[in-house]
Amino acid sequence: MNWNQIEGNWEQFKGKVQQNWGKLTNDDLDVVRGNRKELAGKLQERYGKAQEEAEREIDDWLSRH
């Protein structure tokens, strides 16, 4: 699966994202709206991760879906 598919079906994937990163709120996910850079930014903000680490986690998650 690629990110375009997730972005296009964001409403369906929000729950899966929140299962993986429980500190993200519904409001966070509404702001993200499927934008990968926004998701990485929220992961950095909520989890105190570096940008590279957040991007790596997103890649790992994407490879599992």
Protein backbone atom coordinates (compact mmCIF):
# COMPACT_ATOMS: atom_id res chain seq x y z
CA MET A 1 0.00 0.00 0.00
CA ASN A 2 1.21 3.50 -0.66
CA TRP A 3 0.56 6.74 1.17
CA ASN A 4 -1.77 8.06 -1.56
CA GLN A 5 -4.18 5.24 -0.75
CA ILE A 6 -4.08 6.07 2.94
CA GLU A 7 -4.56 9.77 2.27
CA GLY A 8 -7.53 9.05 0.02
CA ASN A 9 -9.14 6.78 2.62
CA TRP A 10 -8.07 8.67 5.71
CA GLU A 11 -11.38 8.26 7.53
CA GLN A 12 -10.98 4.47 7.33
CA PHE A 13 -7.36 4.54 8.49
CA LYS A 14 -7.72 6.96 11.39
CA GLY A 15 -8.64 4.15 13.79
CA LYS A 16 -5.66 2.05 12.75
CA VAL A 17 -3.36 5.03 13.19
CA GLN A 18 -4.78 5.71 16.63
CA GLN A 19 -4.37 2.04 17.61
CA ASN A 20 -0.70 2.25 16.72
CA TRP A 21 -0.07 5.68 18.25
CA GLY A 22 -2.49 5.96 21.16
CA LYS A 23 -1.32 9.39 22.27
CA LEU A 24 -2.75 10.93 19.11
CA THR A 25 -6.16 12.43 19.76
CA ASN A 26 -9.11 12.58 17.39
CA ASP A 27 -8.39 16.28 17.01
CA ASP A 28 -4.79 15.47 16.04
CA LEU A 29 -6.02 13.05 13.39
CA ASP A 30 -8.50 15.59 12.08
CA VAL A 31 -5.63 18.06 11.65
CA VAL A 32 -3.46 15.43 9.93
CA ARG A 33 -6.22 14.59 7.37
CA GLY A 34 -3.97 11.98 5.76
CA ASN A 35 -0.99 14.31 5.32
CA ARG A 36 2.15 12.31 6.05
CA LYS A 37 4.22 15.33 7.07
CA GLU A 38 1.50 16.42 9.48
CA LEU A 39 1.41 12.91 10.96
CA ALA A 40 5.18 12.93 11.43
CA GLY A 41 4.91 16.33 13.10
CA LYS A 42 2.22 15.11 15.49
CA LEU A 43 4.32 12.06 16.37
CA GLN A 44 7.24 14.35 17.12
CA GLU A 45 5.03 16.57 19.25
CA ARG A 46 3.23 13.84 21.23
CA TYR A 47 6.07 11.36 21.61
CA GLY A 48 9.14 13.63 21.58
CA LYS A 49 10.60 11.81 18.59
CA ALA A 50 13.12 13.11 16.09
CA GLN A 51 11.83 13.65 12.56
CA GLU A 52 13.81 10.71 11.19
CA GLU A 53 12.46 8.40 13.87
CA ALA A 54 8.87 9.49 13.23
CA GLU A 55 9.33 8.96 9.48
CA ARG A 56 10.80 5.50 10.10
CA GLU A 57 7.86 4.53 12.30
CA ILE A 58 5.43 5.68 9.63
CA ASP A 59 7.31 3.61 7.03
CA ASP A 60 7.20 0.55 9.30
CA TRP A 61 3.48 1.02 9.93
CA LEU A 62 2.81 1.53 6.23
CA SER A 63 4.65 -1.69 5.33
CA ARG A 64 2.32 -3.64 7.67
CA HIS A 65 -0.87 -2.32 6.04
